Protein backbone atom coordinates (compact mmCIF):
# COMPACT_ATOMS: atom_id res chain seq x y z
CA MET A 1 3.39 -20.80 13.71
CA ARG A 2 4.76 -23.67 12.11
CA CYS A 3 8.28 -25.40 11.87
CA LEU A 4 9.39 -28.37 9.31
CA LEU A 5 11.60 -30.46 10.29
CA VAL A 6 13.42 -32.48 7.38
CA GLU A 7 14.83 -35.76 8.45
CA ASP A 8 14.44 -39.04 6.95
CA GLU A 9 16.28 -41.58 9.97
CA SER A 10 13.15 -42.74 11.66
CA ASP A 11 14.76 -43.24 15.01
CA ARG A 12 16.10 -39.69 14.50
CA ILE A 13 12.60 -38.28 13.89
CA ALA A 14 11.44 -40.13 16.50
CA ARG A 15 14.03 -38.12 19.04
CA ILE A 16 13.34 -34.70 17.90
CA LEU A 17 9.59 -34.59 17.00
CA PRO A 18 8.61 -34.89 20.69
CA GLU A 19 10.75 -31.89 21.67
CA LEU A 20 9.88 -29.92 18.42
CA ASN A 21 6.15 -30.42 19.41
CA LYS A 22 6.70 -28.86 22.84
CA ILE A 23 8.14 -25.91 22.03
CA PHE A 24 5.92 -25.08 18.73
CA GLY A 25 2.52 -27.30 19.60
CA ASP A 26 1.36 -30.33 18.51
CA GLY A 27 0.11 -30.19 15.02
CA ARG A 28 2.46 -27.21 14.39
CA VAL A 29 5.16 -29.87 13.07
CA ASP A 30 5.05 -31.10 9.38
CA VAL A 31 7.67 -33.46 8.75
CA ALA A 32 9.39 -34.40 5.33
CA LYS A 33 11.67 -37.28 4.51
CA ASP A 34 13.00 -36.61 1.13
CA ARG A 35 13.94 -33.71 -1.20
CA ASP A 36 10.91 -33.83 -3.05
CA SER A 37 8.22 -33.65 -0.38
CA ALA A 38 10.33 -30.93 1.89
CA MET A 39 10.21 -29.17 -1.22
CA THR A 40 6.14 -30.07 -2.28
CA VAL A 41 5.57 -28.92 1.67
CA VAL A 42 7.84 -25.52 1.44
CA GLN A 43 5.58 -24.42 -1.55
CA GLU A 44 2.35 -24.91 0.02
CA ARG A 45 2.85 -23.36 3.50
CA ALA A 46 4.82 -20.51 5.12
CA PHE A 47 7.22 -21.78 7.98
CA ASP A 48 9.05 -20.33 10.77
CA LEU A 49 11.78 -22.53 11.36
CA VAL A 50 13.13 -24.86 8.70
CA VAL A 51 15.20 -28.19 10.53
CA LEU A 52 17.53 -29.27 7.79
CA ASP A 53 19.67 -32.78 7.57
CA GLN A 54 21.47 -32.06 4.48
CA ARG A 55 21.60 -36.27 3.78
CA ILE A 56 18.25 -37.11 2.48
CA PRO A 57 16.93 -38.96 -0.63
CA SER A 58 15.64 -37.66 -3.79
CA ALA A 59 12.22 -39.04 -3.12
CA PRO A 60 9.83 -41.22 -1.54
CA ASN A 61 11.51 -44.29 -1.33
CA GLN A 62 14.77 -43.84 -2.57
CA LEU A 63 17.70 -45.29 -1.26
CA ASP A 64 19.93 -42.46 -2.32
CA GLY A 65 20.81 -40.07 0.32
CA ASP A 66 23.03 -37.41 -0.22
CA VAL A 67 24.01 -33.84 0.76
CA ILE A 68 23.26 -32.82 -2.68
CA PHE A 69 19.50 -33.30 -1.84
CA GLY A 70 19.48 -31.27 1.30
CA ARG A 71 21.24 -28.84 -0.42
CA ALA A 72 18.65 -28.66 -2.70
CA VAL A 73 16.24 -27.91 -0.29
CA LEU A 74 17.94 -24.95 0.98
CA ASP A 75 18.09 -23.84 -2.18
CA TYR A 76 14.66 -23.79 -2.57
CA VAL A 77 13.86 -22.30 0.52
CA ARG A 78 16.08 -19.76 0.21
CA ASP A 79 14.13 -19.13 -3.67
CA ILE A 80 10.42 -19.01 -2.86
CA SER A 81 10.95 -17.90 1.05
CA PRO A 82 13.92 -16.17 1.26
CA ASP A 83 13.29 -14.70 4.76
CA THR A 84 12.70 -18.13 6.45
CA PRO A 85 15.36 -19.10 9.06
CA VAL A 86 16.98 -22.69 8.29
CA TYR A 87 19.00 -24.45 10.90
CA PHE A 88 21.04 -27.28 9.65
CA LEU A 89 21.48 -30.49 11.94
CA THR A 90 24.82 -31.66 11.15
CA GLY A 91 27.36 -34.69 12.44
CA LEU A 92 29.35 -35.58 9.03
CA PRO A 93 33.34 -32.93 8.61
CA MET A 94 33.07 -33.16 4.78
CA GLU A 95 30.08 -31.37 5.32
CA GLU A 96 31.57 -28.14 6.98
CA GLU A 97 33.00 -26.61 4.48
CA TYR A 98 29.62 -25.86 2.63
CA VAL A 99 27.91 -25.14 5.94
CA ASP A 100 30.27 -22.14 6.99
CA ARG A 101 30.66 -20.26 3.79
CA LEU A 102 26.93 -20.33 4.35
CA ILE A 103 26.90 -18.77 7.56
CA GLU A 104 29.51 -16.63 6.77
CA GLU A 105 27.26 -14.69 4.32
CA GLY A 106 25.62 -13.79 7.52
CA ALA A 107 22.26 -13.22 6.10
CA ARG A 108 19.74 -11.95 8.89
CA SER A 109 16.34 -10.84 8.75
CA ASP A 110 13.92 -9.41 11.04
CA VAL A 111 11.28 -12.27 10.40
CA TRP A 112 8.71 -11.18 13.05
CA GLY A 113 8.59 -7.43 13.22
CA ASP A 114 10.57 -7.82 17.10
CA ARG A 115 13.17 -5.76 15.31
CA LYS A 116 15.43 -8.29 16.00
CA PRO A 117 17.14 -9.41 13.46
CA VAL A 118 18.03 -13.17 12.99
CA ALA A 119 20.67 -15.41 11.59
CA LEU A 120 18.85 -17.04 8.63
CA ILE A 121 21.80 -19.94 8.31
CA ARG A 122 22.97 -22.05 11.29
CA ARG A 123 24.25 -25.08 12.59
CA PHE A 124 24.06 -27.44 15.44
CA GLN A 125 25.95 -30.37 15.94
CA LYS A 126 23.70 -33.90 16.12
CA VAL A 127 25.66 -34.90 19.54
CA THR A 128 24.34 -32.14 21.57
CA MET A 129 20.40 -31.18 20.62
CA THR A 130 20.86 -28.76 23.86
CA PRO A 131 21.49 -25.77 22.15
CA PHE A 132 19.28 -26.51 18.91
CA TYR A 133 16.46 -26.62 21.28
CA GLU A 134 17.05 -23.67 23.05
CA ALA A 135 17.94 -21.71 19.75
CA ALA A 136 14.28 -23.70 18.28
CA ALA A 137 12.30 -22.06 21.41
CA GLN A 138 13.62 -18.80 21.50
CA ILE A 139 12.11 -18.28 17.73
CA ALA A 140 8.96 -20.21 18.58
CA ALA A 141 8.31 -17.45 21.53
CA THR A 142 9.00 -14.03 19.35
CA ALA A 143 6.78 -16.02 16.47
CA ARG A 144 3.97 -17.12 18.81
CA ILE A 145 3.62 -13.09 19.77
CA THR A 146 3.63 -12.11 16.35
CA ASP A 147 0.86 -14.56 15.97
CA ASP A 148 -1.21 -13.35 18.45
CA ILE A 149 -2.00 -10.18 17.04
CA GLU A 150 -5.82 -9.38 16.20
CA ILE A 151 -6.28 -8.85 12.66
CA ASN A 152 -9.79 -7.34 13.09
CA LEU A 153 -11.66 -7.27 9.80
CA LYS A 154 -14.73 -6.07 11.45
CA GLY A 155 -16.92 -9.00 10.34
CA ALA A 156 -15.97 -8.47 6.88
CA ASP A 157 -15.10 -11.62 4.57
CA LEU A 158 -12.05 -10.08 2.98
CA ALA A 159 -10.70 -13.61 2.08
CA LEU A 160 -7.35 -12.79 2.94
CA SER A 161 -4.40 -15.21 2.51
CA ASP A 162 -2.50 -17.12 5.73
CA GLU A 163 0.38 -15.18 4.36
CA GLN A 164 -1.56 -11.88 3.34
CA ILE A 165 -2.43 -11.99 7.37
CA ARG A 166 1.27 -12.59 8.30
CA LEU A 167 2.52 -9.39 6.54
CA LEU A 168 0.07 -7.44 8.53
CA ARG A 169 0.87 -8.75 11.87
CA VAL A 170 4.55 -8.41 11.18
CA PHE A 171 4.13 -5.16 9.91
CA THR A 172 1.56 -4.25 13.15
CA ARG A 173 4.56 -5.42 15.69
CA LEU A 174 7.00 -3.70 13.97
CA HIS A 175 5.04 -0.44 14.63
CA ASP A 176 4.45 -1.42 18.54
CA GLY A 177 1.02 -2.73 17.84
CA VAL A 178 -1.20 -5.30 19.20
CA CYS A 179 -4.39 -5.07 17.03
CA ALA A 180 -4.82 -3.98 13.31
CA ASP A 181 -8.55 -2.65 12.10
CA ILE A 182 -8.55 -3.72 8.60
CA VAL A 183 -10.69 -2.11 5.85
CA GLY A 184 -10.77 -3.98 2.14
CA LEU A 185 -10.63 -0.59 -0.37
CA THR A 186 -9.99 -2.31 -4.00
CA PRO A 187 -8.46 -5.11 -5.70
CA GLY A 188 -4.85 -4.38 -6.95
CA PHE A 189 -3.42 -4.04 -10.28
CA SER A 190 -2.10 -7.75 -10.84
CA GLY A 191 -4.47 -9.42 -8.67
CA ALA A 192 -3.20 -7.49 -5.50
CA ARG A 193 -4.81 -6.95 -2.29
CA VAL A 194 -5.48 -2.88 -1.47
CA LEU A 195 -6.08 -2.47 2.38
CA ARG A 196 -6.35 0.00 4.89
CA ALA A 197 -5.20 -0.91 8.00
CA ASP A 198 -5.37 1.07 11.36
CA ILE A 199 -2.59 0.10 14.18
CA LYS A 200 -3.90 -0.18 16.94
CA ASP A 201 -1.29 -0.26 20.72
CA ALA A 202 -2.78 -1.92 23.98
CA ASP A 203 -4.75 0.62 25.16
CA GLY A 204 -6.86 1.16 21.80
CA GLY A 205 -5.43 3.96 20.28
CA ILE A 206 -4.03 4.28 16.92
CA ARG A 207 -0.29 4.53 16.23
CA LEU A 208 -0.53 4.76 12.81
CA SER A 209 -3.10 4.18 9.69
CA VAL A 210 -2.16 2.80 6.26
CA VAL A 211 -2.61 1.86 3.39
CA SER A 212 -1.42 -1.72 2.71
CA LYS A 213 -0.27 -3.41 -0.63
CA LEU A 214 -0.05 -6.92 -0.42
CA GLY A 215 0.70 -9.22 -3.57
CA ARG A 216 3.57 -11.16 -5.24
CA PHE A 217 6.95 -10.38 -3.89
CA ASP A 218 8.05 -9.05 -7.74
CA ALA A 219 4.81 -6.65 -8.43
CA ILE A 220 5.54 -5.47 -4.85
CA ALA A 221 9.21 -4.41 -6.29
CA SER A 222 7.49 -3.12 -9.46
CA GLU A 223 5.53 -0.83 -7.67
CA ILE A 224 7.98 0.50 -5.11
CA GLN A 225 10.31 1.14 -7.72
CA ARG A 226 8.00 3.00 -9.84
CA TYR A 227 6.66 5.05 -6.43
CA GLU A 228 10.39 5.62 -6.06
CA LYS A 229 10.96 6.73 -9.54
CA GLU A 230 7.85 8.96 -10.87
CA VAL A 231 5.12 9.51 -7.95
CA VAL A 232 7.66 10.95 -5.24
CA ARG A 233 7.63 13.62 -8.02
CA LEU A 234 4.02 15.21 -7.42
CA PRO A 235 3.42 17.08 -4.50
CA ALA A 236 3.41 16.01 -1.00
CA ASP A 237 -0.25 16.07 -0.07
CA THR A 238 -1.19 13.91 -3.49
CA TYR A 239 0.16 10.72 -2.45
CA ALA A 240 0.65 8.29 0.29
CA THR A 241 4.35 8.09 1.42
CA LEU A 242 6.02 4.94 1.75
CA ILE A 243 7.21 3.83 5.16
CA PRO A 244 10.50 2.86 4.96
CA GLY A 245 11.51 -0.60 6.01
CA GLN A 246 10.77 -4.12 4.02
CA VAL A 247 8.78 -6.15 5.96
CA PRO A 248 10.00 -9.75 5.23
CA ARG A 249 8.44 -11.49 2.21
CA VAL A 250 6.35 -14.46 2.97
CA LEU A 251 6.46 -17.39 0.78
CA THR A 252 5.76 -15.40 -2.61
CA SER A 253 3.77 -12.45 -1.34
CA ARG A 254 4.77 -9.42 -0.12
CA GLY A 255 3.92 -6.19 1.34
CA ALA A 256 4.18 -2.36 0.54
CA PHE A 257 2.99 -0.13 3.82
CA TYR A 258 1.94 4.05 2.70
CA ARG A 259 0.79 6.16 5.21
CA LEU A 260 -2.24 7.65 4.79
CA LEU A 261 -2.30 11.57 4.99
CA GLU A 262 -4.85 13.19 8.04
CA GLY A 263 -8.21 13.80 6.74
CA TYR A 264 -8.29 11.85 3.61
CA ASN A 265 -11.59 9.51 4.69
CA HIS A 266 -13.37 9.32 1.85
CA SER A 267 -13.07 7.83 -1.57
CA TYR A 268 -14.01 9.68 -5.30
CA PHE A 269 -16.70 7.89 -5.10
CA ALA A 270 -18.74 8.22 -1.81
CA VAL A 271 -17.79 12.39 -2.95
CA LEU A 272 -19.43 12.04 -6.41
CA LYS A 273 -22.96 9.99 -4.70
CA ALA A 274 -22.98 13.02 -2.29
CA SER A 275 -22.23 16.03 -5.10
CA ASP A 276 -21.78 16.08 -8.66
CA ALA A 277 -20.20 19.62 -8.02
CA ASN A 278 -17.65 18.63 -5.41
CA ALA A 279 -16.63 15.79 -7.36
CA ALA A 280 -15.32 18.04 -10.58
CA ILE A 281 -13.52 20.02 -7.84
CA CYS A 282 -11.87 17.13 -7.02
CA VAL A 283 -11.07 16.42 -10.69
CA GLN A 284 -9.52 19.55 -10.76
CA ALA A 285 -7.63 19.02 -7.92
CA ILE A 286 -6.28 15.66 -9.75
CA ARG A 287 -4.94 17.31 -12.71
CA GLU A 288 -3.33 19.59 -10.80
CA GLY A 289 -1.63 17.60 -8.73
CA GLN A 290 -0.04 15.56 -11.56
CA ALA A 291 1.11 18.55 -13.35
CA PRO A 292 4.73 17.63 -13.07
CA TRP A 293 4.33 14.15 -14.77
CA ALA A 294 1.59 16.20 -17.63
CA ASN A 295 4.58 18.76 -17.98
CA SER A 296 6.85 16.18 -19.48
CA ALA A 297 4.95 14.85 -21.76
CA LYS A 298 6.79 14.32 -25.03
CA ALA A 299 4.18 13.57 -28.67
CA THR A 300 4.99 10.29 -29.52
CA LYS A 301 3.63 8.04 -33.10
CA LEU A 302 2.11 4.57 -32.69
CA PRO A 303 -0.44 2.24 -33.73
CA ILE A 304 -3.58 2.26 -31.47
CA ALA A 305 -2.72 -1.44 -31.06
CA GLU A 306 0.67 -0.22 -29.38
CA VAL A 307 -1.84 1.54 -26.68
CA VAL A 308 -3.84 -1.14 -26.29
CA LYS A 309 -0.89 -3.13 -25.36
CA MET A 310 0.09 -0.39 -22.94
CA LEU A 311 -2.88 -1.36 -20.47
CA ILE A 312 -3.65 -5.14 -21.61
CA TRP A 313 -1.39 -7.95 -21.64
CA GLU A 314 -1.45 -9.30 -25.19
CA LYS A 315 -2.31 -12.70 -23.90
CA ASN A 316 -5.67 -11.25 -22.95
CA LEU A 317 -6.58 -9.81 -26.02
CA PRO A 318 -7.70 -12.89 -28.23
CA PRO A 319 -10.96 -13.36 -26.12
CA ILE A 320 -11.83 -10.00 -25.40
CA ARG A 321 -11.40 -9.51 -29.22
CA ASP A 322 -13.99 -12.53 -29.74
CA MET A 323 -16.97 -10.55 -27.96
CA LEU A 324 -16.27 -7.36 -30.59
CA GLY A 325 -18.92 -9.17 -33.19
CA GLY A 326 -18.95 -6.67 -36.25
CA ILE A 327 -16.71 -3.90 -34.75
CA ASP A 328 -14.13 -3.11 -37.25
CA TRP A 329 -11.71 -2.89 -34.37
CA LYS A 330 -8.95 -4.28 -36.60
CA SER A 331 -8.75 -1.38 -38.64
CA PHE A 332 -9.16 0.79 -35.50
CA GLU A 333 -6.54 -0.38 -33.69
CA ASP A 334 -4.17 -0.69 -37.15
CA ARG A 335 -5.02 3.01 -37.44
CA GLU A 336 -1.36 5.00 -36.24
CA ILE A 337 -1.81 8.26 -34.20
CA THR A 338 0.23 10.91 -32.19
CA ILE A 339 -0.39 10.63 -27.93
CA ASN A 340 1.38 12.78 -25.47
CA LEU A 341 3.39 10.20 -23.74
CA CYS A 342 3.98 10.48 -19.94
CA THR A 343 3.63 9.35 -16.75
CA ARG A 344 0.26 8.61 -15.37
CA HIS A 345 -1.36 6.77 -12.74
CA GLY A 346 -2.70 3.99 -14.72
CA ASP A 347 -5.51 2.51 -12.86
CA LEU A 348 -7.37 5.55 -11.46
CA HIS A 349 -10.79 4.52 -10.69
CA GLY A 350 -12.51 6.53 -8.28
CA GLU A 351 -11.58 4.04 -5.07
CA ASN A 352 -7.66 4.42 -5.84
CA ALA A 353 -8.70 8.57 -5.14
CA LEU A 354 -9.31 9.59 -1.90
CA VAL A 355 -10.37 12.57 -0.46
CA ASN A 356 -10.10 15.09 2.59
CA GLY A 357 -12.66 18.07 3.65
CA GLN A 358 -11.21 20.23 1.50
CA HIS A 359 -11.39 18.01 -1.61
CA ARG A 360 -8.19 17.76 -1.84
CA VAL A 361 -7.07 14.04 -3.09
CA MET A 362 -4.69 11.65 -2.21
CA MET A 363 -4.38 8.85 -4.75
CA ILE A 364 -2.88 5.39 -3.88
CA ASP A 365 -2.44 2.15 -5.53
CA TYR A 366 0.74 2.64 -7.87
CA GLY A 367 1.18 -0.77 -9.43
CA ALA A 368 0.70 0.25 -12.94
CA VAL A 369 2.06 3.74 -12.81
CA ASP A 370 3.90 4.09 -15.92
CA PRO A 371 4.27 6.15 -19.32
CA LEU A 372 0.94 6.15 -20.95
CA PRO A 373 -1.01 8.26 -23.01
CA SER A 374 -1.65 11.55 -21.47
CA ALA A 375 -5.75 11.36 -20.93
CA ILE A 376 -5.89 7.77 -19.82
CA ASP A 377 -6.41 8.63 -16.24
CA ALA A 378 -9.24 11.50 -17.32
CA VAL A 379 -10.76 9.05 -19.02
CA THR A 380 -10.68 6.46 -16.60
CA LEU A 381 -11.52 7.94 -13.49
CA GLU A 382 -14.97 9.47 -15.86
CA PHE A 383 -15.69 5.94 -16.83
CA SER A 384 -15.46 4.12 -13.57
CA PRO A 385 -18.52 4.85 -11.61
CA PHE A 386 -20.03 3.04 -14.51
CA PHE A 387 -17.80 -0.11 -14.63
CA HIS A 388 -16.24 -0.20 -11.00
CA PRO A 389 -17.78 -2.40 -8.72
CA HIS A 390 -17.90 0.22 -5.96
CA GLY A 391 -19.14 2.78 -8.68
CA VAL A 392 -22.60 4.85 -9.15
CA ARG A 393 -23.39 2.20 -12.01
CA GLY A 394 -27.43 4.00 -11.66
CA ALA A 395 -25.86 7.23 -12.24
CA LEU A 396 -26.26 6.41 -16.05
CA ASN A 397 -29.75 6.36 -17.56
CA TRP A 398 -28.82 3.63 -19.36
CA LYS A 399 -30.18 -0.21 -19.80
CA PRO A 400 -29.73 -2.98 -22.37
CA GLY A 401 -31.93 -2.87 -25.31
CA ASP A 402 -31.50 0.76 -25.51
CA GLY A 403 -29.39 0.97 -28.28
CA ALA A 404 -25.55 2.12 -28.77
CA ILE A 405 -24.73 5.02 -26.60
CA ASP A 406 -22.60 8.41 -28.44
CA TRP A 407 -19.63 8.69 -26.00
CA PHE A 408 -17.68 11.30 -27.89
CA ASP A 409 -20.41 14.14 -28.07
CA ARG A 410 -20.13 14.58 -24.43
CA THR A 411 -23.75 16.99 -24.42
CA VAL A 412 -25.09 14.18 -25.07
CA PHE A 413 -23.61 11.45 -23.16
CA ALA A 414 -23.43 14.04 -20.12
CA ALA A 415 -27.56 14.17 -20.62
CA LEU A 416 -27.75 9.84 -20.10
CA THR A 417 -26.09 10.38 -16.64
CA SER A 418 -27.15 12.27 -13.42
CA ILE A 419 -23.29 13.63 -12.96
CA PRO A 420 -22.96 15.56 -15.83
CA THR A 421 -20.29 17.77 -14.24
CA HIS A 422 -18.55 15.03 -13.09
CA VAL A 423 -18.58 14.19 -17.27
CA GLY A 424 -17.29 17.35 -18.07
CA ALA A 425 -14.64 17.93 -15.67
CA CYS A 426 -12.80 14.43 -16.81
CA ARG A 427 -13.72 15.52 -20.70
CA ASP A 428 -12.20 18.71 -20.01
CA TRP A 429 -9.15 16.99 -19.05
CA ALA A 430 -8.70 14.38 -21.24
CA HIS A 431 -8.98 16.96 -24.09
CA GLY A 432 -6.57 19.57 -22.37
CA GLU A 433 -3.86 17.37 -21.72
CA GLY A 434 -4.12 14.61 -24.52
CA PHE A 435 -2.64 15.44 -28.21
CA GLY A 436 -5.71 15.21 -29.83
CA GLU A 437 -9.06 13.60 -30.56
CA ARG A 438 -7.56 10.64 -31.59
CA GLU A 439 -5.80 10.17 -28.25
CA VAL A 440 -8.99 10.43 -26.29
CA LEU A 441 -10.81 7.68 -28.22
CA ALA A 442 -7.62 5.33 -28.02
CA CYS A 443 -7.71 5.58 -24.39
CA ALA A 444 -11.80 5.15 -24.21
CA TYR A 445 -11.42 2.22 -26.48
CA THR A 446 -8.51 0.61 -24.21
CA TYR A 447 -9.81 1.30 -20.88
CA ILE A 448 -13.38 -0.46 -22.33
CA LEU A 449 -11.43 -3.41 -23.80
CA ARG A 450 -9.56 -3.50 -20.43
CA GLN A 451 -12.91 -3.77 -18.46
CA LEU A 452 -14.15 -6.90 -20.56
CA GLN A 453 -11.02 -9.21 -19.29
CA PHE A 454 -12.83 -9.09 -16.18
CA PRO A 455 -16.11 -11.75 -15.50
CA GLY A 456 -18.09 -9.38 -13.46
CA ALA A 457 -17.76 -6.52 -16.34
CA ASP A 458 -20.94 -5.02 -17.73
CA LYS A 459 -20.77 -6.46 -21.15
CA ASP A 460 -23.73 -5.17 -22.51
CA LEU A 461 -22.78 -1.34 -21.56
CA ALA A 462 -19.34 -1.93 -22.85
CA LEU A 463 -20.43 -3.10 -26.19
CA ALA A 464 -22.90 -0.22 -26.27
CA LEU A 465 -19.93 2.21 -26.23
CA LEU A 466 -17.71 0.91 -28.67
CA PRO A 467 -19.37 0.94 -31.84
CA GLY A 468 -19.46 4.86 -31.56
CA ILE A 469 -16.10 5.05 -30.24
CA VAL A 470 -14.93 3.02 -33.13
CA ALA A 471 -16.79 4.70 -35.99
CA ARG A 472 -15.67 7.83 -35.18
CA GLY A 473 -12.03 7.35 -34.37
CA LEU A 474 -12.36 6.01 -37.76
CA LYS A 475 -13.05 9.36 -39.24
CA ALA A 476 -11.28 11.66 -36.77
């Protein structure tokens, strides 16, 4: 819980600051005396209230006080943290028209999850401060309740930011919880966090279990659009449903919260570790669940280089290609192939597939859902046990120095693993719905390149797989 006071006159600060300290607590009120300082502080942390005097100087030690600089701070707050209440302290008639227009816009937000949206712009006269202090005290009181909600990480070091914790607390309060038990699921696409949250009431009962996707506001907005356009086309038991209502944005962070279906308590990786045969049943369930996407596939011609750029930012490719040594990646990527283009998950590793006792599968994390080569999800799922940090790397009987791996020959590759049924089921899916061998090879190549952009990737394994894939692709 924090408040920012933007005021340049020392005597007024001396009068207001002690009162705000009483309301928010000592050490919880920041002071900025000019536009530049205020913008810096707003960028660094979230505030429950910004108190703004419009007539301030542009920068430290400047004597150019003007209302345009206070208004610049307001514009910055509305841009970088749009759900933050801003209270004007005003006294000059010339300021009134501007403030009146903002108030008439009527922007409101349920900032703290108490289901009581507050006005984001209010004005108070400097000549009588009592109404202002009363309004600030109301904000502090409800913000304190939200701050008191416990985020129980169960001893895990999830390294959640203050903004991410704030999002979880607001969501918990919004759903009448007093505590959220948090389990990290997987790093999400574009640096987002994917967490399981069990929302508990005062008696310890679980009110709601959700998958929480926390990330940049623009990435979360994009994911919600993908969900509403494509994910909802799938059968109801194959995806987690988006919970209506938005949790207010905190600085650049925003959350999307999806209801977990009951009983989907195991990741695909957990199933695979226990039973190769059961994992193959899950692969078939995923394939059947994605049928609405596959049934709308369109044959499309394009160079393999364009397939690569569907899944890897072009700016990330030069350092990846520098690792490839003598592999003839240029000739391979220049080849024009035909793919079946349809909607796919785009990041279907074993942590993004949750399984119930009947081996039904629910996909989570929709940030990469897009029109993609039809074979990409099958290829991703096949490779993910060997590359994902939560996978089953020990299931592949290969170590650095063992030489190149013939991945495309499924019999040869499956024989190197202790999970041949998983390999076979994924390969059946890839070849069954991909346009042809070239698409499957292009997807394998792209998946492996994508892994090489991550610091902890198994580079030795990647470079053992790529030569055979490229050589086969140049002949296919």
